[in-house]
Protein backbone atom coordinates (compact mmCIF):
# COMPACT_ATOMS: atom_id res chain seq x y z
CA CYS A 1 -0.02 0.09 -0.12
CA ASN A 2 1.62 3.22 -0.94
CA PRO A 3 1.59 6.13 1.96
CA PRO A 4 -0.65 8.81 1.54
CA GLN A 5 2.09 11.46 -0.24
CA GLU A 6 2.39 9.11 -3.10
CA TYR A 7 -1.36 9.30 -3.51
CA ALA A 8 -1.57 13.16 -3.41
CA LEU A 9 1.43 13.32 -5.99
CA ARG A 10 -0.03 10.96 -8.30
CA TYR A 11 -3.61 12.95 -8.03
CA ALA A 12 -1.54 16.59 -8.70
CA THR A 13 0.42 15.61 -11.64
CA HIS A 14 -2.35 13.31 -12.94
CA SER A 15 -4.34 16.93 -12.96
CA GLU A 16 -1.57 18.60 -14.48
CA MET A 17 -0.67 16.24 -17.00
CA SER A 18 -4.42 15.86 -17.95
CA SER A 19 -5.13 19.66 -18.20
CA ASP A 20 -4.76 21.88 -21.44
CA SER A 21 -3.31 24.71 -19.38
CA PRO A 22 -1.71 24.64 -15.78
CA ALA A 23 -4.71 26.89 -14.32
CA PRO A 24 -6.99 24.19 -13.48
CA ALA A 25 -4.19 21.84 -12.05
CA ALA A 26 -2.98 24.72 -9.79
CA PRO A 27 -5.49 23.86 -6.72
CA ALA A 28 -4.34 20.03 -6.81
CA VAL A 29 -0.51 20.89 -6.90
CA GLU A 30 -1.23 23.64 -4.34
CA LEU A 31 -3.14 21.50 -1.95
CA TYR A 32 -0.43 18.72 -2.31
CA ASN A 33 2.35 21.49 -1.67
CA SER A 34 0.58 22.63 1.55
CA PHE A 35 0.84 19.26 2.98
CA PHE A 36 4.09 17.65 1.99
CA THR A 37 7.57 18.20 1.16
CA PRO A 38 9.65 18.23 -1.43
CA PRO A 39 6.91 20.34 -3.14
CA HIS A 40 6.25 19.16 -6.61
CA VAL A 41 6.96 22.07 -9.00
CA PRO A 42 4.01 22.92 -11.36
CA GLY A 43 5.14 22.48 -14.78
CA GLU A 44 7.54 19.49 -14.34
CA THR A 45 5.34 16.91 -15.50
CA ALA A 46 5.53 18.78 -18.91
CA LYS A 47 8.63 17.28 -19.89
CA PHE A 48 7.54 14.03 -19.15
CA LEU A 49 4.19 14.19 -21.65
CA LYS A 50 5.35 11.91 -24.14
CA TYR A 51 5.70 8.49 -21.57
CA GLY A 52 2.25 9.09 -20.12
CA HIS A 53 0.84 9.51 -16.95
CA ALA A 54 1.06 5.84 -15.93
CA LYS A 55 4.89 5.69 -16.88
CA TYR A 56 5.45 9.11 -15.41
CA THR A 57 3.65 7.88 -11.98
CA LEU A 58 5.80 4.86 -11.93
CA LEU A 59 9.21 6.24 -12.81
CA ARG A 60 8.75 9.74 -10.28
CA VAL A 61 5.92 9.38 -8.05
CA GLY A 62 6.07 6.15 -6.92
CA PRO A 63 5.03 2.21 -7.77
CA PHE A 64 1.06 1.29 -8.26
CA ARG A 65 -0.33 -1.82 -8.84
CA ASP A 66 -3.18 -0.69 -11.03
CA LEU A 67 -0.54 1.19 -13.33
CA TYR A 68 1.61 -1.72 -13.68
CA GLU A 69 -1.53 -4.05 -14.76
CA SER A 70 -2.86 -1.00 -16.90
CA LEU A 71 0.53 -1.20 -18.73
CA SER A 72 0.56 -5.10 -19.07
CA LEU A 73 -2.91 -4.74 -20.45
CA SER A 74 -1.97 -1.97 -23.03
CA LYS A 75 1.19 -3.64 -24.08
CA LEU A 76 -1.11 -6.93 -24.63
CA SER A 77 -3.48 -5.45 -26.61
CA SER A 78 -0.66 -3.66 -28.69
CA LEU A 79 0.69 -7.16 -29.08
CA SER A 80 -2.98 -9.05 -29.85
CA SER A 81 -3.47 -6.35 -33.01
CA SER A 82 -0.10 -6.95 -34.08
CA PRO A 83 0.05 -8.98 -37.36
CA SER A 84 3.23 -10.52 -36.02
CA PRO A 85 3.73 -10.85 -32.53
CA SER A 86 7.22 -11.66 -31.70
CA ALA A 87 8.52 -12.80 -28.32
CA THR A 88 10.18 -9.31 -27.11
CA GLY A 89 6.81 -7.95 -27.45
CA GLU A 90 5.26 -10.82 -25.22
CA LEU A 91 8.38 -10.03 -22.79
CA ASP A 92 6.96 -6.38 -22.58
CA VAL A 93 3.72 -7.79 -21.65
CA LEU A 94 5.05 -9.80 -18.70
CA SER A 95 7.74 -7.00 -17.69
CA SER A 96 4.90 -4.80 -15.90
CA ALA A 97 3.28 -7.65 -14.51
CA GLU A 98 6.39 -9.08 -13.14
CA ALA A 99 7.62 -5.54 -11.57
CA SER A 100 4.49 -5.38 -9.70
CA ASN A 101 4.95 -8.85 -8.47
CA GLY A 102 8.18 -8.30 -7.12
CA LYS A 103 7.14 -4.75 -5.61
CA PHE A 104 4.10 -5.82 -3.89
CA GLY A 105 3.91 -9.58 -4.21
CA THR A 106 0.14 -10.11 -3.02
CA ALA A 107 -2.46 -12.10 -4.02
CA SER A 108 -4.04 -9.69 -6.38
CA SER A 109 -0.78 -9.15 -8.25
CA PHE A 110 -0.24 -12.91 -8.56
CA LEU A 111 -3.57 -13.71 -9.69
CA PHE A 112 -3.29 -10.85 -12.31
CA TYR A 113 -0.13 -12.16 -13.44
CA SER A 114 -1.70 -15.69 -13.75
CA ARG A 115 -4.47 -14.58 -15.82
CA LEU A 116 -2.19 -12.91 -18.09
CA LEU A 117 0.34 -15.64 -18.60
CA ALA A 118 -3.04 -18.01 -19.41
CA GLY A 119 -3.76 -15.92 -22.18
CA LEU A 120 -0.31 -16.25 -23.86
CA GLN A 121 0.40 -19.44 -25.92
CA GLY A 122 2.65 -21.97 -24.22
CA ARG A 123 2.69 -20.09 -20.66
CA GLU A 124 0.51 -22.51 -18.96
CA ASP A 125 2.95 -24.15 -16.53
CA GLU A 126 4.09 -20.27 -15.63
CA ALA A 127 0.13 -19.40 -15.27
CA ARG A 128 0.07 -22.00 -13.14
CA ASP A 129 2.56 -21.52 -10.67
CA ALA A 130 1.47 -18.12 -10.69
CA ALA A 131 -1.92 -19.18 -9.14
CA ARG A 132 -0.52 -21.19 -6.52
CA ASN A 133 1.60 -18.28 -5.34
CA VAL A 134 -1.59 -16.68 -4.48
CA MET A 135 -1.69 -19.17 -1.70
CA LYS A 136 1.88 -18.22 -0.62
CA ALA A 137 0.80 -14.36 -0.57
CA ASP A 138 -2.08 -12.88 1.10
CA GLY A 139 -4.64 -16.09 -0.09
CA VAL A 140 -7.63 -16.02 -2.13
CA SER A 141 -10.09 -13.89 0.28
CA ALA A 142 -7.59 -11.02 -0.41
CA VAL A 143 -8.44 -10.77 -4.21
CA ALA A 144 -11.85 -10.90 -4.49
CA VAL A 145 -15.44 -10.25 -2.76
CA ASP A 146 -16.80 -13.51 -4.54
CA LEU A 147 -14.84 -15.89 -2.64
CA GLU A 148 -16.44 -19.13 -4.34
CA ALA A 149 -15.76 -17.74 -7.86
CA ALA A 150 -12.27 -16.71 -6.64
CA PHE A 151 -11.69 -20.13 -5.06
CA GLY A 152 -12.53 -21.85 -8.65
CA GLU A 153 -10.58 -19.58 -10.73
CA VAL A 154 -7.12 -20.48 -8.66
CA GLU A 155 -8.06 -24.08 -8.58
CA ARG A 156 -8.58 -23.81 -12.40
CA LEU A 157 -5.56 -21.74 -13.09
CA GLY A 158 -3.32 -23.58 -10.31
CA ASP A 159 -4.10 -26.76 -11.52
CA PHE A 160 -3.75 -28.46 -8.17
CA GLY A 161 -4.96 -32.08 -8.73
CA LEU A 162 -7.43 -31.86 -5.91
CA SER A 163 -10.09 -29.61 -4.78
CA PHE A 164 -8.94 -26.32 -3.69
CA GLU A 165 -10.77 -26.43 -0.44
CA GLU A 166 -8.25 -29.97 0.15
CA PHE A 167 -5.07 -28.19 -1.28
CA TYR A 168 -5.91 -24.95 1.59
CA VAL A 169 -6.56 -27.24 4.28
CA LYS A 170 -2.99 -29.18 3.33
CA VAL A 171 -1.31 -25.93 3.23
CA ARG A 172 -2.26 -24.84 6.26
CA GLU A 173 -1.66 -28.18 7.97
CA ALA A 174 1.98 -27.73 6.62
CA GLU A 175 2.03 -24.40 7.82
CA GLU A 176 1.27 -25.30 11.44
CA ALA A 177 3.80 -28.37 11.42
CA GLN A 178 6.61 -25.63 10.71
CA GLU A 179 5.12 -23.52 13.48
CA LYS A 180 5.38 -26.59 16.03
CA GLU A 181 9.26 -27.18 14.89
């Protein structure tokens, strides 16, 4: 979870980058500068417009899981519409999702990564392993409101060979055994 300062700076820079003139962004930047240091310099984002807000935010503000996911999906969309997709393009798609896993390592980031891999040809084993990491992270309860649907999806992607509930019980038993040692 990002600190409040990063969320506030993300909002201020987004206001600045999506505005045609600096005036509409001024209140957001002023609000940020009244609470946090170092101050955001109005107009600084103009130098980075060619990167877009998502890349600017990840490079200059901080890591945000939703932005890594949107970059992955954007690259996947470009790859899907390409007449001759390349292995390099596939690696570009996965790099943002892998960066998210490295920075956050949450169940939801692993589930997103598993879904992404499942949509790529020849990545079934990796998709399975990523789905299994959901259990090593926060668990399925952290990824969805509808637990039954989430259990089903992780079971399908993880190819556990037993029901998800049976797998979950085995994981918990192994953890309890380790704690006793």
